[in-house]
Amino acid sequence: MLDALACFDCRVSHYCQAGDHQLVICSVADALPGKPGEPMLYRDTGNMDGSAEIYPETL
């Protein structure tokens, strides 16, 4: 098992362009619990991606 909180087996439904990103839309076929712990939330990353310039009120 991976050193993760959970493991998902997904089936790709379709792809979507989103600006300079590509989203992959999937359905979960199976899921397994991993090791216990707290998930890392996007807000916990601080300004790691430089988003404070775009969304200063979120930090």
PDB file of N, CA and C in Angstrom:
ATOM      1  N   MET A   1       0.844  -1.192   0.000  1.00  0.00           N
ATOM      2  CA  MET A   1       0.000   0.000   0.000  1.00  0.00           C
ATOM      3  C   MET A   1       0.883   1.246   0.000  1.00  0.00           C
ATOM      4  N   LEU A   2       0.416   2.245  -0.672  1.00  0.00           N
ATOM      5  CA  LEU A   2       1.132   3.514  -0.706  1.00  0.00           C
ATOM      6  C   LEU A   2       1.098   4.188   0.649  1.00  0.00           C
ATOM      7  N   ASP A   3       2.018   5.066   0.880  1.00  0.00           N
ATOM      8  CA  ASP A   3       2.061   5.838   2.121  1.00  0.00           C
ATOM      9  C   ASP A   3       1.107   7.014   1.978  1.00  0.00           C
ATOM     10  N   ALA A   4      -0.199   6.708   1.926  1.00  0.00           N
ATOM     11  CA  ALA A   4      -1.227   7.717   1.672  1.00  0.00           C
ATOM     12  C   ALA A   4      -2.424   7.486   2.596  1.00  0.00           C
ATOM     13  N   LEU A   5      -3.310   8.473   2.666  1.00  0.00           N
ATOM     14  CA  LEU A   5      -4.508   8.345   3.492  1.00  0.00           C
ATOM     15  C   LEU A   5      -5.555   7.443   2.851  1.00  0.00           C
ATOM     16  N   ALA A   6      -5.526   7.326   1.537  1.00  0.00           N
ATOM     17  CA  ALA A   6      -6.478   6.479   0.825  1.00  0.00           C
ATOM     18  C   ALA A   6      -5.929   6.197  -0.578  1.00  0.00           C
ATOM     19  N   CYS A   7      -6.485   5.196  -1.195  1.00  0.00           N
ATOM     20  CA  CYS A   7      -6.092   4.825  -2.547  1.00  0.00           C
ATOM     21  C   CYS A   7      -7.373   4.622  -3.365  1.00  0.00           C
ATOM     22  N   PHE A   8      -7.444   5.218  -4.541  1.00  0.00           N
ATOM     23  CA  PHE A   8      -8.641   5.147  -5.377  1.00  0.00           C
ATOM     24  C   PHE A   8      -8.314   4.519  -6.725  1.00  0.00           C
ATOM     25  N   ASP A   9      -9.182   3.633  -7.171  1.00  0.00           N
ATOM     26  CA  ASP A   9      -9.118   3.083  -8.516  1.00  0.00           C
ATOM     27  C   ASP A   9     -10.220   3.782  -9.304  1.00  0.00           C
ATOM     28  N   CYS A  10      -9.848   4.549 -10.311  1.00  0.00           N
ATOM     29  CA  CYS A  10     -10.817   5.374 -11.036  1.00  0.00           C
ATOM     30  C   CYS A  10     -10.895   5.005 -12.505  1.00  0.00           C
ATOM     31  N   ARG A  11     -12.046   5.250 -13.079  1.00  0.00           N
ATOM     32  CA  ARG A  11     -12.259   5.055 -14.510  1.00  0.00           C
ATOM     33  C   ARG A  11     -12.476   6.432 -15.138  1.00  0.00           C
ATOM     34  N   VAL A  12     -11.713   6.729 -16.170  1.00  0.00           N
ATOM     35  CA  VAL A  12     -11.810   8.028 -16.830  1.00  0.00           C
ATOM     36  C   VAL A  12     -13.134   8.122 -17.580  1.00  0.00           C
ATOM     37  N   SER A  13     -13.853   9.200 -17.323  1.00  0.00           N
ATOM     38  CA  SER A  13     -15.103   9.467 -18.028  1.00  0.00           C
ATOM     39  C   SER A  13     -14.834  10.344 -19.245  1.00  0.00           C
ATOM     40  N   HIS A  14     -14.152  11.485 -19.004  1.00  0.00           N
ATOM     41  CA  HIS A  14     -13.796  12.365 -20.103  1.00  0.00           C
ATOM     42  C   HIS A  14     -12.771  13.400 -19.644  1.00  0.00           C
ATOM     43  N   TYR A  15     -12.265  14.139 -20.606  1.00  0.00           N
ATOM     44  CA  TYR A  15     -11.268  15.182 -20.368  1.00  0.00           C
ATOM     45  C   TYR A  15     -11.874  16.531 -20.718  1.00  0.00           C
ATOM     46  N   CYS A  16     -11.453  17.572 -20.009  1.00  0.00           N
ATOM     47  CA  CYS A  16     -11.933  18.945 -20.271  1.00  0.00           C
ATOM     48  C   CYS A  16     -10.745  19.893 -20.255  1.00  0.00           C
ATOM     49  N   GLN A  17     -10.692  20.791 -21.210  1.00  0.00           N
ATOM     50  CA  GLN A  17      -9.688  21.851 -21.202  1.00  0.00           C
ATOM     51  C   GLN A  17     -10.148  22.928 -20.233  1.00  0.00           C
ATOM     52  N   ALA A  18      -9.220  23.419 -19.424  1.00  0.00           N
ATOM     53  CA  ALA A  18      -9.510  24.485 -18.465  1.00  0.00           C
ATOM     54  C   ALA A  18      -8.336  25.459 -18.489  1.00  0.00           C
ATOM     55  N   GLY A  19      -8.354  26.361 -19.433  1.00  0.00           N
ATOM     56  CA  GLY A  19      -7.242  27.304 -19.571  1.00  0.00           C
ATOM     57  C   GLY A  19      -5.987  26.561 -19.966  1.00  0.00           C
ATOM     58  N   ASP A  20      -4.937  26.690 -19.134  1.00  0.00           N
ATOM     59  CA  ASP A  20      -3.686  25.987 -19.426  1.00  0.00           C
ATOM     60  C   ASP A  20      -3.609  24.634 -18.716  1.00  0.00           C
ATOM     61  N   HIS A  21      -4.755  24.139 -18.226  1.00  0.00           N
ATOM     62  CA  HIS A  21      -4.833  22.841 -17.561  1.00  0.00           C
ATOM     63  C   HIS A  21      -5.752  21.906 -18.339  1.00  0.00           C
ATOM     64  N   GLN A  22      -5.628  20.653 -18.049  1.00  0.00           N
ATOM     65  CA  GLN A  22      -6.575  19.674 -18.579  1.00  0.00           C
ATOM     66  C   GLN A  22      -7.144  18.913 -17.380  1.00  0.00           C
ATOM     67  N   LEU A  23      -8.470  18.949 -17.225  1.00  0.00           N
ATOM     68  CA  LEU A  23      -9.136  18.227 -16.149  1.00  0.00           C
ATOM     69  C   LEU A  23      -9.488  16.826 -16.626  1.00  0.00           C
ATOM     70  N   VAL A  24      -9.305  15.868 -15.754  1.00  0.00           N
ATOM     71  CA  VAL A  24      -9.681  14.489 -16.037  1.00  0.00           C
ATOM     72  C   VAL A  24     -10.860  14.166 -15.122  1.00  0.00           C
ATOM     73  N   ILE A  25     -12.015  13.897 -15.707  1.00  0.00           N
ATOM     74  CA  ILE A  25     -13.222  13.586 -14.948  1.00  0.00           C
ATOM     75  C   ILE A  25     -13.320  12.065 -14.845  1.00  0.00           C
ATOM     76  N   CYS A  26     -13.394  11.567 -13.615  1.00  0.00           N
ATOM     77  CA  CYS A  26     -13.388  10.129 -13.376  1.00  0.00           C
ATOM     78  C   CYS A  26     -14.518   9.725 -12.439  1.00  0.00           C
ATOM     79  N   SER A  27     -14.813   8.438 -12.458  1.00  0.00           N
ATOM     80  CA  SER A  27     -15.701   7.864 -11.452  1.00  0.00           C
ATOM     81  C   SER A  27     -14.868   6.868 -10.655  1.00  0.00           C
ATOM     82  N   VAL A  28     -15.130   6.816  -9.364  1.00  0.00           N
ATOM     83  CA  VAL A  28     -14.376   5.922  -8.489  1.00  0.00           C
ATOM     84  C   VAL A  28     -14.950   4.518  -8.609  1.00  0.00           C
ATOM     85  N   ALA A  29     -14.111   3.562  -8.991  1.00  0.00           N
ATOM     86  CA  ALA A  29     -14.533   2.167  -9.119  1.00  0.00           C
ATOM     87  C   ALA A  29     -14.295   1.401  -7.821  1.00  0.00           C
ATOM     88  N   ASP A  30     -13.254   1.793  -7.074  1.00  0.00           N
ATOM     89  CA  ASP A  30     -12.930   1.126  -5.818  1.00  0.00           C
ATOM     90  C   ASP A  30     -12.086   2.074  -4.976  1.00  0.00           C
ATOM     91  N   ALA A  31     -12.126   1.886  -3.678  1.00  0.00           N
ATOM     92  CA  ALA A  31     -11.335   2.720  -2.778  1.00  0.00           C
ATOM     93  C   ALA A  31     -10.854   1.867  -1.615  1.00  0.00           C
ATOM     94  N   LEU A  32      -9.637   2.121  -1.191  1.00  0.00           N
ATOM     95  CA  LEU A  32      -9.058   1.417  -0.057  1.00  0.00           C
ATOM     96  C   LEU A  32      -8.558   2.436   0.953  1.00  0.00           C
ATOM     97  N   PRO A  33      -8.777   2.176   2.232  1.00  0.00           N
ATOM     98  CA  PRO A  33      -8.220   3.083   3.240  1.00  0.00           C
ATOM     99  C   PRO A  33      -6.710   2.905   3.311  1.00  0.00           C
ATOM    100  N   GLY A  34      -6.033   3.971   3.642  1.00  0.00           N
ATOM    101  CA  GLY A  34      -4.584   3.930   3.797  1.00  0.00           C
ATOM    102  C   GLY A  34      -4.224   4.083   5.255  1.00  0.00           C
ATOM    103  N   LYS A  35      -3.134   4.757   5.494  1.00  0.00           N
ATOM    104  CA  LYS A  35      -2.702   4.962   6.871  1.00  0.00           C
ATOM    105  C   LYS A  35      -3.491   6.103   7.504  1.00  0.00           C
ATOM    106  N   PRO A  36      -3.653   6.100   8.811  1.00  0.00           N
ATOM    107  CA  PRO A  36      -4.383   7.188   9.482  1.00  0.00           C
ATOM    108  C   PRO A  36      -3.585   8.492   9.425  1.00  0.00           C
ATOM    109  N   GLY A  37      -4.308   9.591   9.435  1.00  0.00           N
ATOM    110  CA  GLY A  37      -3.649  10.889   9.436  1.00  0.00           C
ATOM    111  C   GLY A  37      -4.610  11.981   9.030  1.00  0.00           C
ATOM    112  N   GLU A  38      -4.106  13.188   9.010  1.00  0.00           N
ATOM    113  CA  GLU A  38      -4.900  14.355   8.629  1.00  0.00           C
ATOM    114  C   GLU A  38      -4.582  14.727   7.186  1.00  0.00           C
ATOM    115  N   PRO A  39      -5.588  15.023   6.377  1.00  0.00           N
ATOM    116  CA  PRO A  39      -5.316  15.425   4.998  1.00  0.00           C
ATOM    117  C   PRO A  39      -4.699  16.820   4.936  1.00  0.00           C
ATOM    118  N   MET A  40      -3.885  17.057   3.912  1.00  0.00           N
ATOM    119  CA  MET A  40      -3.346  18.387   3.666  1.00  0.00           C
ATOM    120  C   MET A  40      -4.364  19.138   2.820  1.00  0.00           C
ATOM    121  N   LEU A  41      -4.793  20.278   3.292  1.00  0.00           N
ATOM    122  CA  LEU A  41      -5.764  21.095   2.573  1.00  0.00           C
ATOM    123  C   LEU A  41      -5.045  22.158   1.754  1.00  0.00           C
ATOM    124  N   TYR A  42      -5.674  22.590   0.686  1.00  0.00           N
ATOM    125  CA  TYR A  42      -5.064  23.603  -0.177  1.00  0.00           C
ATOM    126  C   TYR A  42      -4.682  24.844   0.628  1.00  0.00           C
ATOM    127  N   ARG A  43      -5.528  25.229   1.545  1.00  0.00           N
ATOM    128  CA  ARG A  43      -5.223  26.445   2.321  1.00  0.00           C
ATOM    129  C   ARG A  43      -3.971  26.280   3.184  1.00  0.00           C
ATOM    130  N   ASP A  44      -3.570  25.038   3.473  1.00  0.00           N
ATOM    131  CA  ASP A  44      -2.391  24.770   4.282  1.00  0.00           C
ATOM    132  C   ASP A  44      -1.087  24.910   3.501  1.00  0.00           C
ATOM    133  N   THR A  45      -1.176  25.088   2.178  1.00  0.00           N
ATOM    134  CA  THR A  45       0.039  25.193   1.365  1.00  0.00           C
ATOM    135  C   THR A  45       0.624  26.601   1.372  1.00  0.00           C
ATOM    136  N   GLY A  46      -0.078  27.537   2.008  1.00  0.00           N
ATOM    137  CA  GLY A  46       0.428  28.903   2.042  1.00  0.00           C
ATOM    138  C   GLY A  46       0.459  29.495   0.651  1.00  0.00           C
ATOM    139  N   ASN A  47       1.559  30.148   0.332  1.00  0.00           N
ATOM    140  CA  ASN A  47       1.691  30.771  -0.984  1.00  0.00           C
ATOM    141  C   ASN A  47       2.620  29.946  -1.877  1.00  0.00           C
ATOM    142  N   MET A  48       2.606  28.641  -1.719  1.00  0.00           N
ATOM    143  CA  MET A  48       3.484  27.760  -2.462  1.00  0.00           C
ATOM    144  C   MET A  48       3.351  27.946  -3.972  1.00  0.00           C
ATOM    145  N   ASP A  49       2.149  28.213  -4.458  1.00  0.00           N
ATOM    146  CA  ASP A  49       1.932  28.337  -5.902  1.00  0.00           C
ATOM    147  C   ASP A  49       1.825  29.785  -6.371  1.00  0.00           C
ATOM    148  N   GLY A  50       2.096  30.740  -5.489  1.00  0.00           N
ATOM    149  CA  GLY A  50       2.042  32.144  -5.864  1.00  0.00           C
ATOM    150  C   GLY A  50       0.636  32.699  -5.995  1.00  0.00           C
ATOM    151  N   SER A  51      -0.360  31.985  -5.470  1.00  0.00           N
ATOM    152  CA  SER A  51      -1.750  32.411  -5.633  1.00  0.00           C
ATOM    153  C   SER A  51      -2.125  33.622  -4.781  1.00  0.00           C
ATOM    154  N   ALA A  52      -1.270  34.024  -3.848  1.00  0.00           N
ATOM    155  CA  ALA A  52      -1.592  35.183  -3.010  1.00  0.00           C
ATOM    156  C   ALA A  52      -1.751  36.448  -3.841  1.00  0.00           C
ATOM    157  N   GLU A  53      -1.052  36.519  -4.971  1.00  0.00           N
ATOM    158  CA  GLU A  53      -1.188  37.684  -5.837  1.00  0.00           C
ATOM    159  C   GLU A  53      -2.572  37.734  -6.489  1.00  0.00           C
ATOM    160  N   ILE A  54      -3.151  36.565  -6.705  1.00  0.00           N
ATOM    161  CA  ILE A  54      -4.473  36.489  -7.347  1.00  0.00           C
ATOM    162  C   ILE A  54      -5.589  36.523  -6.317  1.00  0.00           C
ATOM    163  N   TYR A  55      -5.387  35.808  -5.196  1.00  0.00           N
ATOM    164  CA  TYR A  55      -6.416  35.679  -4.149  1.00  0.00           C
ATOM    165  C   TYR A  55      -5.845  36.073  -2.795  1.00  0.00           C
ATOM    166  N   PRO A  56      -5.510  37.353  -2.588  1.00  0.00           N
ATOM    167  CA  PRO A  56      -4.851  37.765  -1.341  1.00  0.00           C
ATOM    168  C   PRO A  56      -5.720  37.550  -0.097  1.00  0.00           C
ATOM    169  N   GLU A  57      -7.028  37.537  -0.226  1.00  0.00           N
ATOM    170  CA  GLU A  57      -7.894  37.398   0.937  1.00  0.00           C
ATOM    171  C   GLU A  57      -7.958  35.960   1.468  1.00  0.00           C
ATOM    172  N   THR A  58      -7.400  34.981   0.757  1.00  0.00           N
ATOM    173  CA  THR A  58      -7.502  33.591   1.195  1.00  0.00           C
ATOM    174  C   THR A  58      -6.362  33.183   2.111  1.00  0.00           C
ATOM    175  N   LEU A  59      -5.307  33.990   2.242  1.00  0.00           N
ATOM    176  CA  LEU A  59      -4.172  33.612   3.090  1.00  0.00           C
ATOM    177  C   LEU A  59      -4.211  34.322   4.401  1.00  0.00           C
TER     178      LEU A  59
END
